[in-house]
Structures are given as C-alpha cells and as structure tokens.
C-alpha cells in the first residue's frame, strides 16, 4: 500500500477543480451530469513546463489515452501501489525524459514529461487525476 503523501505535479494555477461541473464536455459520474475527474493546472511559464511524479512508483502506461475516443490526450499513468494510481493528461506527445518508459521506477519529484495541449483541450495545462481503489478521487485529499 502507498503510505505517503503526494505532491503537486506542476507549479501553476488551478484552472479546473475536481467534481461536478457545468461544462457539458464532461461525461456523467459520481452523481453528476457533468463530472470533472481531476484537477486542471496551468503553469505560469507557458506550455512545455516540466511535470513531475506526484509520488514514487512505477510507470504503468505512456501513450494516447485509450478512453478518449477519436481525440485522445497523451498521458502517463504511475502505479504507486496496487490500489493507487495517478494520471497525467494533455502532456506533450512523445516528449519525456531519458529513462522514462513503461516499467520504469520513478521517485517523487522526478520529471516524467511536459505540459501540453493534446486531446480535447482548450489550452496548455495538466489534467491530473488520482484513482484510488478503482474510483476517481479528489487529488487535494492526497497532497
């Protein structure tokens, strides 16, 4: 089990909170008609800012988000334990540091990629999600 706290993966401003939303682009979930399953963070330095692992773990997936349909975002998924994963979406495609690959062990704070604008996105930002015991949870509960 994961026994630590997570850290913010990108320095910047919160542009979208976790939970029920009025934005019709989000699908339903957790009792909401429009549910935002993560937190959006936009760096102050502009597109391309480094994104770091929120906690130590193993890279479980890198690539196009298989759940996004025809306009997928580039994502990295880190497994921190058998019941906790963090997802990093809208990253720059194919842009990740040397040594970052599926199966790589990463440390908290290690750069895993760069802020981008891939998929259904309105601008450069990171969509950061925490999946705990198979359910999307508010990332703020883990930092």
C-alpha atoms as a PDB file:
ATOM      1  CA  UNK A   1       0.000   0.000   0.000  1.00  0.00           C
ATOM      2  CA  UNK A   2       1.066   3.549  -0.628  1.00  0.00           C
ATOM      3  CA  UNK A   3       1.985   5.146   2.684  1.00  0.00           C
ATOM      4  CA  UNK A   4       2.980   8.658   1.732  1.00  0.00           C
ATOM      5  CA  UNK A   5       1.538  11.938   0.632  1.00  0.00           C
ATOM      6  CA  UNK A   6       1.514  13.047  -2.972  1.00  0.00           C
ATOM      7  CA  UNK A   7       2.967  16.330  -4.176  1.00  0.00           C
ATOM      8  CA  UNK A   8       1.665  18.745  -6.782  1.00  0.00           C
ATOM      9  CA  UNK A   9       2.956  17.585 -10.190  1.00  0.00           C
ATOM     10  CA  UNK A  10       3.099  21.032 -11.805  1.00  0.00           C
ATOM     11  CA  UNK A  11       3.741  24.512 -10.449  1.00  0.00           C
ATOM     12  CA  UNK A  12       0.975  26.814 -11.590  1.00  0.00           C
ATOM     13  CA  UNK A  13      -2.610  27.905 -11.178  1.00  0.00           C
ATOM     14  CA  UNK A  14      -5.636  25.666 -10.678  1.00  0.00           C
ATOM     15  CA  UNK A  15      -7.920  26.279 -13.650  1.00  0.00           C
ATOM     16  CA  UNK A  16     -10.412  23.465 -13.035  1.00  0.00           C
ATOM     17  CA  UNK A  17     -11.459  21.753  -9.817  1.00  0.00           C
ATOM     18  CA  UNK A  18     -12.458  18.135  -9.209  1.00  0.00           C
ATOM     19  CA  UNK A  19     -16.160  17.302  -9.070  1.00  0.00           C
ATOM     20  CA  UNK A  20     -19.488  18.351 -10.508  1.00  0.00           C
ATOM     21  CA  UNK A  21     -19.224  20.938 -13.252  1.00  0.00           C
ATOM     22  CA  UNK A  22     -21.427  22.953 -15.577  1.00  0.00           C
ATOM     23  CA  UNK A  23     -19.097  22.172 -18.510  1.00  0.00           C
ATOM     24  CA  UNK A  24     -21.069  19.917 -20.846  1.00  0.00           C
ATOM     25  CA  UNK A  25     -17.916  18.409 -22.331  1.00  0.00           C
ATOM     26  CA  UNK A  26     -17.505  16.203 -19.261  1.00  0.00           C
ATOM     27  CA  UNK A  27     -19.373  12.937 -19.022  1.00  0.00           C
ATOM     28  CA  UNK A  28     -21.530  11.870 -16.109  1.00  0.00           C
ATOM     29  CA  UNK A  29     -20.082  10.384 -12.956  1.00  0.00           C
ATOM     30  CA  UNK A  30     -20.314  10.208  -9.185  1.00  0.00           C
ATOM     31  CA  UNK A  31     -23.877  11.559  -9.180  1.00  0.00           C
ATOM     32  CA  UNK A  32     -23.161  14.477 -11.534  1.00  0.00           C
ATOM     33  CA  UNK A  33     -24.421  15.113 -15.039  1.00  0.00           C
ATOM     34  CA  UNK A  34     -21.011  16.657 -15.873  1.00  0.00           C
ATOM     35  CA  UNK A  35     -18.193  15.270 -13.760  1.00  0.00           C
ATOM     36  CA  UNK A  36     -14.581  16.513 -13.857  1.00  0.00           C
ATOM     37  CA  UNK A  37     -12.452  13.587 -12.661  1.00  0.00           C
ATOM     38  CA  UNK A  38      -9.307  15.551 -11.892  1.00  0.00           C
ATOM     39  CA  UNK A  39      -7.747  18.933 -11.294  1.00  0.00           C
ATOM     40  CA  UNK A  40      -6.518  21.150 -14.136  1.00  0.00           C
ATOM     41  CA  UNK A  41      -3.258  23.019 -13.542  1.00  0.00           C
ATOM     42  CA  UNK A  42      -1.776  25.595 -15.935  1.00  0.00           C
ATOM     43  CA  UNK A  43       1.832  26.635 -15.460  1.00  0.00           C
ATOM     44  CA  UNK A  44       2.667  30.304 -15.291  1.00  0.00           C
ATOM     45  CA  UNK A  45       5.693  29.787 -17.510  1.00  0.00           C
ATOM     46  CA  UNK A  46       3.662  28.625 -20.509  1.00  0.00           C
ATOM     47  CA  UNK A  47       3.402  25.428 -22.479  1.00  0.00           C
ATOM     48  CA  UNK A  48       6.195  22.938 -22.008  1.00  0.00           C
ATOM     49  CA  UNK A  49       6.726  23.272 -18.253  1.00  0.00           C
ATOM     50  CA  UNK A  50       8.076  20.109 -16.611  1.00  0.00           C
ATOM     51  CA  UNK A  51       5.603  17.728 -14.963  1.00  0.00           C
ATOM     52  CA  UNK A  52       6.880  15.631 -12.067  1.00  0.00           C
ATOM     53  CA  UNK A  53       5.760  12.373 -10.488  1.00  0.00           C
ATOM     54  CA  UNK A  54       3.428  13.158  -7.595  1.00  0.00           C
ATOM     55  CA  UNK A  55       4.862  10.221  -5.666  1.00  0.00           C
ATOM     56  CA  UNK A  56       7.262   7.345  -6.105  1.00  0.00           C
ATOM     57  CA  UNK A  57       6.036   4.399  -8.130  1.00  0.00           C
ATOM     58  CA  UNK A  58       6.277   2.566 -11.428  1.00  0.00           C
ATOM     59  CA  UNK A  59       5.249   3.864 -14.864  1.00  0.00           C
ATOM     60  CA  UNK A  60       2.248   1.743 -15.857  1.00  0.00           C
ATOM     61  CA  UNK A  61       1.362   3.432 -19.171  1.00  0.00           C
ATOM     62  CA  UNK A  62       2.627   6.094 -21.575  1.00  0.00           C
ATOM     63  CA  UNK A  63       0.724   6.966 -24.733  1.00  0.00           C
ATOM     64  CA  UNK A  64      -2.558   8.123 -26.188  1.00  0.00           C
ATOM     65  CA  UNK A  65      -5.457   7.909 -23.733  1.00  0.00           C
ATOM     66  CA  UNK A  66      -7.361   4.811 -24.788  1.00  0.00           C
ATOM     67  CA  UNK A  67     -10.530   6.162 -23.089  1.00  0.00           C
ATOM     68  CA  UNK A  68     -10.695   9.447 -25.060  1.00  0.00           C
ATOM     69  CA  UNK A  69     -12.136   8.221 -28.363  1.00  0.00           C
ATOM     70  CA  UNK A  70     -11.120   9.978 -31.569  1.00  0.00           C
ATOM     71  CA  UNK A  71      -9.290  12.936 -29.983  1.00  0.00           C
ATOM     72  CA  UNK A  72      -7.070  11.389 -27.303  1.00  0.00           C
ATOM     73  CA  UNK A  73      -4.758  13.163 -24.907  1.00  0.00           C
ATOM     74  CA  UNK A  74      -1.189  11.990 -24.323  1.00  0.00           C
ATOM     75  CA  UNK A  75      -0.995  10.502 -20.828  1.00  0.00           C
ATOM     76  CA  UNK A  76       1.357   8.987 -18.303  1.00  0.00           C
ATOM     77  CA  UNK A  77      -0.011   6.708 -15.584  1.00  0.00           C
ATOM     78  CA  UNK A  78       2.011   5.917 -12.455  1.00  0.00           C
ATOM     79  CA  UNK A  79       1.124   2.998 -10.166  1.00  0.00           C
ATOM     80  CA  UNK A  80       2.060   3.922  -6.607  1.00  0.00           C
ATOM     81  CA  UNK A  81       0.580   0.754  -5.107  1.00  0.00           C
ATOM     82  CA  UNK A  82      -1.948  -1.909  -6.044  1.00  0.00           C
ATOM     83  CA  UNK A  83      -4.803   0.479  -5.212  1.00  0.00           C
ATOM     84  CA  UNK A  84      -3.437   3.945  -6.081  1.00  0.00           C
ATOM     85  CA  UNK A  85      -2.541   5.387  -9.494  1.00  0.00           C
ATOM     86  CA  UNK A  86      -2.022   8.926 -10.713  1.00  0.00           C
ATOM     87  CA  UNK A  87      -2.832  10.004 -14.258  1.00  0.00           C
ATOM     88  CA  UNK A  88      -1.227  12.956 -16.061  1.00  0.00           C
ATOM     89  CA  UNK A  89      -3.089  14.063 -19.213  1.00  0.00           C
ATOM     90  CA  UNK A  90      -2.752  16.548 -22.111  1.00  0.00           C
ATOM     91  CA  UNK A  91       1.033  16.233 -21.991  1.00  0.00           C
ATOM     92  CA  UNK A  92       3.303  16.855 -24.982  1.00  0.00           C
ATOM     93  CA  UNK A  93       3.223  13.723 -27.102  1.00  0.00           C
ATOM     94  CA  UNK A  94       6.388  11.644 -27.232  1.00  0.00           C
ATOM     95  CA  UNK A  95       8.184  14.178 -25.013  1.00  0.00           C
ATOM     96  CA  UNK A  96       9.535  12.508 -21.922  1.00  0.00           C
ATOM     97  CA  UNK A  97      12.965  12.441 -20.347  1.00  0.00           C
ATOM     98  CA  UNK A  98      15.524   9.680 -20.825  1.00  0.00           C
ATOM     99  CA  UNK A  99      14.772   6.720 -18.574  1.00  0.00           C
ATOM    100  CA  UNK A 100      11.013   7.282 -18.523  1.00  0.00           C
ATOM    101  CA  UNK A 101       9.338   4.237 -20.052  1.00  0.00           C
ATOM    102  CA  UNK A 102       6.674   1.722 -19.143  1.00  0.00           C
ATOM    103  CA  UNK A 103       8.034  -0.249 -16.203  1.00  0.00           C
ATOM    104  CA  UNK A 104      10.445   2.469 -15.053  1.00  0.00           C
ATOM    105  CA  UNK A 105      10.594   3.163 -11.337  1.00  0.00           C
ATOM    106  CA  UNK A 106      10.271   6.888 -10.606  1.00  0.00           C
ATOM    107  CA  UNK A 107      10.807   8.975  -7.496  1.00  0.00           C
ATOM    108  CA  UNK A 108       8.529  11.713  -6.210  1.00  0.00           C
ATOM    109  CA  UNK A 109       9.515  14.941  -7.943  1.00  0.00           C
ATOM    110  CA  UNK A 110      11.185  13.254 -10.927  1.00  0.00           C
ATOM    111  CA  UNK A 111      10.328  14.840 -14.289  1.00  0.00           C
ATOM    112  CA  UNK A 112       8.079  12.487 -16.303  1.00  0.00           C
ATOM    113  CA  UNK A 113       7.058  14.759 -19.178  1.00  0.00           C
ATOM    114  CA  UNK A 114       5.984  18.232 -20.197  1.00  0.00           C
ATOM    115  CA  UNK A 115       2.812  20.301 -20.151  1.00  0.00           C
ATOM    116  CA  UNK A 116       0.996  20.172 -23.460  1.00  0.00           C
ATOM    117  CA  UNK A 117      -2.287  20.674 -25.270  1.00  0.00           C
ATOM    118  CA  UNK A 118      -3.125  17.220 -26.650  1.00  0.00           C
ATOM    119  CA  UNK A 119      -6.633  15.809 -26.921  1.00  0.00           C
ATOM    120  CA  UNK A 120      -9.812  17.714 -26.124  1.00  0.00           C
ATOM    121  CA  UNK A 121      -8.137  20.686 -24.507  1.00  0.00           C
ATOM    122  CA  UNK A 122      -8.703  24.436 -24.512  1.00  0.00           C
ATOM    123  CA  UNK A 123      -5.028  25.274 -23.959  1.00  0.00           C
ATOM    124  CA  UNK A 124      -1.810  24.069 -22.387  1.00  0.00           C
ATOM    125  CA  UNK A 125      -2.383  22.533 -18.981  1.00  0.00           C
ATOM    126  CA  UNK A 126      -2.134  19.331 -16.981  1.00  0.00           C
ATOM    127  CA  UNK A 127      -5.244  17.330 -16.155  1.00  0.00           C
ATOM    128  CA  UNK A 128      -4.162  15.450 -13.005  1.00  0.00           C
ATOM    129  CA  UNK A 129      -6.230  12.529 -11.758  1.00  0.00           C
ATOM    130  CA  UNK A 130      -5.963  10.233  -8.745  1.00  0.00           C
ATOM    131  CA  UNK A 131      -7.543   6.789  -8.936  1.00  0.00           C
ATOM    132  CA  UNK A 132      -7.879   5.123  -5.536  1.00  0.00           C
ATOM    133  CA  UNK A 133      -9.419   1.667  -5.192  1.00  0.00           C
ATOM    134  CA  UNK A 134     -10.876   1.932  -8.698  1.00  0.00           C
ATOM    135  CA  UNK A 135     -12.599   5.299  -8.180  1.00  0.00           C
ATOM    136  CA  UNK A 136     -11.596   8.825  -9.173  1.00  0.00           C
ATOM    137  CA  UNK A 137     -10.805  10.829  -6.037  1.00  0.00           C
ATOM    138  CA  UNK A 138     -10.116  14.482  -5.443  1.00  0.00           C
ATOM    139  CA  UNK A 139      -6.323  14.878  -5.704  1.00  0.00           C
ATOM    140  CA  UNK A 140      -6.427  17.502  -2.950  1.00  0.00           C
ATOM    141  CA  UNK A 141      -7.150  14.702  -0.482  1.00  0.00           C
ATOM    142  CA  UNK A 142      -3.701  13.233  -1.170  1.00  0.00           C
ATOM    143  CA  UNK A 143      -1.446  16.333  -1.040  1.00  0.00           C
END
